Amino acid sequence: MNYWEDAILKCIMSHSGEVDLRDIYRDIGSFIELTSEHLEATQWGWRPAYQHQVRSHITNLCQAGYLIKVSRGRYSITKKGCQRIGL
C-alpha cells in the first residue's frame, strides 16, 4: 500500500466520495504529515512539492481503477477505492 494514495482516498471519502482537486490540496494535511520539504515550491513552478505528489498519485489511482475523473480537476472514488481503505 502507498501512504500517499491511501491518504488521498481517505481525503476524498471525507468529502462524501467526490471532490475537487483544490479541496484535496487544502485538506490532505489532515491525512498525511506535510513536512517543510512538502511545502516548499518546486523547481517546476510555484506549486508546493506536495501538490505534485498529489497529482502524480491521483493519476496512478485513476489508472488502477480506484478513482474516476468526473470532470476537469474533480474526482470520485470507486467501489474498488473504498475497498482499498477498508470501507
C-alpha atoms as a PDB file:
ATOM      1  CA  MET A   1       0.000   0.000   0.000  1.00  0.00           C
ATOM      2  CA  ASN A   2       1.113   3.535  -0.747  1.00  0.00           C
ATOM      3  CA  TYR A   3       0.814   6.011   2.123  1.00  0.00           C
ATOM      4  CA  TRP A   4       0.089   8.983  -0.175  1.00  0.00           C
ATOM      5  CA  GLU A   5      -2.534   7.125  -2.176  1.00  0.00           C
ATOM      6  CA  ASP A   6      -4.356   5.898   0.924  1.00  0.00           C
ATOM      7  CA  ALA A   7      -4.338   9.435   2.344  1.00  0.00           C
ATOM      8  CA  ILE A   8      -5.805  10.794  -0.903  1.00  0.00           C
ATOM      9  CA  LEU A   9      -8.563   8.169  -0.904  1.00  0.00           C
ATOM     10  CA  LYS A  10      -9.419   8.939   2.730  1.00  0.00           C
ATOM     11  CA  CYS A  11      -9.441  12.656   1.976  1.00  0.00           C
ATOM     12  CA  ILE A  12     -11.864  12.103  -0.901  1.00  0.00           C
ATOM     13  CA  MET A  13     -14.119   9.989   1.325  1.00  0.00           C
ATOM     14  CA  SER A  14     -14.214  12.827   3.855  1.00  0.00           C
ATOM     15  CA  HIS A  15     -15.921  14.809   1.079  1.00  0.00           C
ATOM     16  CA  SER A  16     -18.624  12.173   0.507  1.00  0.00           C
ATOM     17  CA  GLY A  17     -16.587  10.370  -2.151  1.00  0.00           C
ATOM     18  CA  GLU A  18     -16.311  13.136  -4.756  1.00  0.00           C
ATOM     19  CA  VAL A  19     -14.113  16.196  -4.574  1.00  0.00           C
ATOM     20  CA  ASP A  20     -12.327  18.940  -6.471  1.00  0.00           C
ATOM     21  CA  LEU A  21      -8.540  18.825  -6.637  1.00  0.00           C
ATOM     22  CA  ARG A  22      -8.274  22.164  -4.813  1.00  0.00           C
ATOM     23  CA  ASP A  23     -10.132  20.633  -1.848  1.00  0.00           C
ATOM     24  CA  ILE A  24      -7.676  17.738  -1.762  1.00  0.00           C
ATOM     25  CA  TYR A  25      -4.808  20.237  -1.724  1.00  0.00           C
ATOM     26  CA  ARG A  26      -6.452  22.128   1.130  1.00  0.00           C
ATOM     27  CA  ASP A  27      -7.329  19.089   3.270  1.00  0.00           C
ATOM     28  CA  ILE A  28      -4.643  16.466   2.557  1.00  0.00           C
ATOM     29  CA  GLY A  29      -2.653  17.665   5.584  1.00  0.00           C
ATOM     30  CA  SER A  30      -5.327  16.107   7.801  1.00  0.00           C
ATOM     31  CA  PHE A  31      -4.496  12.681   6.364  1.00  0.00           C
ATOM     32  CA  ILE A  32      -0.729  12.834   5.853  1.00  0.00           C
ATOM     33  CA  GLU A  33       2.003  14.761   7.615  1.00  0.00           C
ATOM     34  CA  LEU A  34       3.264  17.519   5.365  1.00  0.00           C
ATOM     35  CA  THR A  35       6.894  18.373   6.075  1.00  0.00           C
ATOM     36  CA  SER A  36       8.655  21.634   5.323  1.00  0.00           C
ATOM     37  CA  GLU A  37      10.032  19.947   2.186  1.00  0.00           C
ATOM     38  CA  HIS A  38       6.487  19.174   1.023  1.00  0.00           C
ATOM     39  CA  LEU A  39       5.506  22.819   1.476  1.00  0.00           C
ATOM     40  CA  GLU A  40       8.424  24.287  -0.484  1.00  0.00           C
ATOM     41  CA  ALA A  41       7.870  25.425  -4.047  1.00  0.00           C
ATOM     42  CA  THR A  42       9.471  23.121  -6.575  1.00  0.00           C
ATOM     43  CA  GLN A  43      11.844  23.937  -9.391  1.00  0.00           C
ATOM     44  CA  TRP A  44       8.967  23.372 -11.843  1.00  0.00           C
ATOM     45  CA  GLY A  45       6.997  26.378 -10.762  1.00  0.00           C
ATOM     46  CA  TRP A  46       5.002  27.950  -7.996  1.00  0.00           C
ATOM     47  CA  ARG A  47       3.321  24.804  -6.679  1.00  0.00           C
ATOM     48  CA  PRO A  48       4.379  23.312  -3.366  1.00  0.00           C
ATOM     49  CA  ALA A  49       6.026  19.915  -3.759  1.00  0.00           C
ATOM     50  CA  TYR A  50       3.121  18.074  -2.107  1.00  0.00           C
ATOM     51  CA  GLN A  51       0.767  19.209  -4.872  1.00  0.00           C
ATOM     52  CA  HIS A  52       2.960  17.454  -7.425  1.00  0.00           C
ATOM     53  CA  GLN A  53       2.842  14.334  -5.220  1.00  0.00           C
ATOM     54  CA  VAL A  54      -0.951  14.513  -5.054  1.00  0.00           C
ATOM     55  CA  ARG A  55      -1.350  14.924  -8.824  1.00  0.00           C
ATOM     56  CA  SER A  56       1.025  12.058  -9.570  1.00  0.00           C
ATOM     57  CA  HIS A  57      -0.725   9.695  -7.174  1.00  0.00           C
ATOM     58  CA  ILE A  58      -4.173  10.679  -8.441  1.00  0.00           C
ATOM     59  CA  THR A  59      -3.032   9.670 -11.925  1.00  0.00           C
ATOM     60  CA  ASN A  60      -1.889   6.304 -10.537  1.00  0.00           C
ATOM     61  CA  LEU A  61      -5.175   5.830  -8.649  1.00  0.00           C
ATOM     62  CA  CYS A  62      -7.210   6.554 -11.774  1.00  0.00           C
ATOM     63  CA  GLN A  63      -5.142   4.152 -13.876  1.00  0.00           C
ATOM     64  CA  ALA A  64      -5.567   1.422 -11.243  1.00  0.00           C
ATOM     65  CA  GLY A  65      -9.354   1.921 -11.056  1.00  0.00           C
ATOM     66  CA  TYR A  66      -9.518   3.391  -7.538  1.00  0.00           C
ATOM     67  CA  LEU A  67     -10.684   6.803  -8.769  1.00  0.00           C
ATOM     68  CA  ILE A  68     -12.524   8.142 -11.768  1.00  0.00           C
ATOM     69  CA  LYS A  69     -12.149  11.604 -13.211  1.00  0.00           C
ATOM     70  CA  VAL A  70     -15.603  13.174 -13.170  1.00  0.00           C
ATOM     71  CA  SER A  71     -14.580  16.414 -14.845  1.00  0.00           C
ATOM     72  CA  ARG A  72     -11.518  18.635 -15.049  1.00  0.00           C
ATOM     73  CA  GLY A  73      -9.997  18.665 -11.567  1.00  0.00           C
ATOM     74  CA  ARG A  74     -12.834  16.649  -9.991  1.00  0.00           C
ATOM     75  CA  TYR A  75     -12.516  13.022  -8.869  1.00  0.00           C
ATOM     76  CA  SER A  76     -14.761  10.338  -7.438  1.00  0.00           C
ATOM     77  CA  ILE A  77     -13.745   7.248  -5.503  1.00  0.00           C
ATOM     78  CA  THR A  78     -14.827   3.892  -6.933  1.00  0.00           C
ATOM     79  CA  LYS A  79     -16.081   0.825  -5.088  1.00  0.00           C
ATOM     80  CA  LYS A  80     -12.593  -0.628  -5.552  1.00  0.00           C
ATOM     81  CA  GLY A  81     -11.130   2.510  -3.946  1.00  0.00           C
ATOM     82  CA  CYS A  82     -13.473   2.204  -0.963  1.00  0.00           C
ATOM     83  CA  GLN A  83     -12.462  -1.416  -0.508  1.00  0.00           C
ATOM     84  CA  ARG A  84      -8.782  -0.453  -0.565  1.00  0.00           C
ATOM     85  CA  ILE A  85      -9.237   1.769   2.500  1.00  0.00           C
ATOM     86  CA  GLY A  86     -11.492  -0.706   4.276  1.00  0.00           C
ATOM     87  CA  LEU A  87     -14.937   0.728   3.597  1.00  0.00           C
END
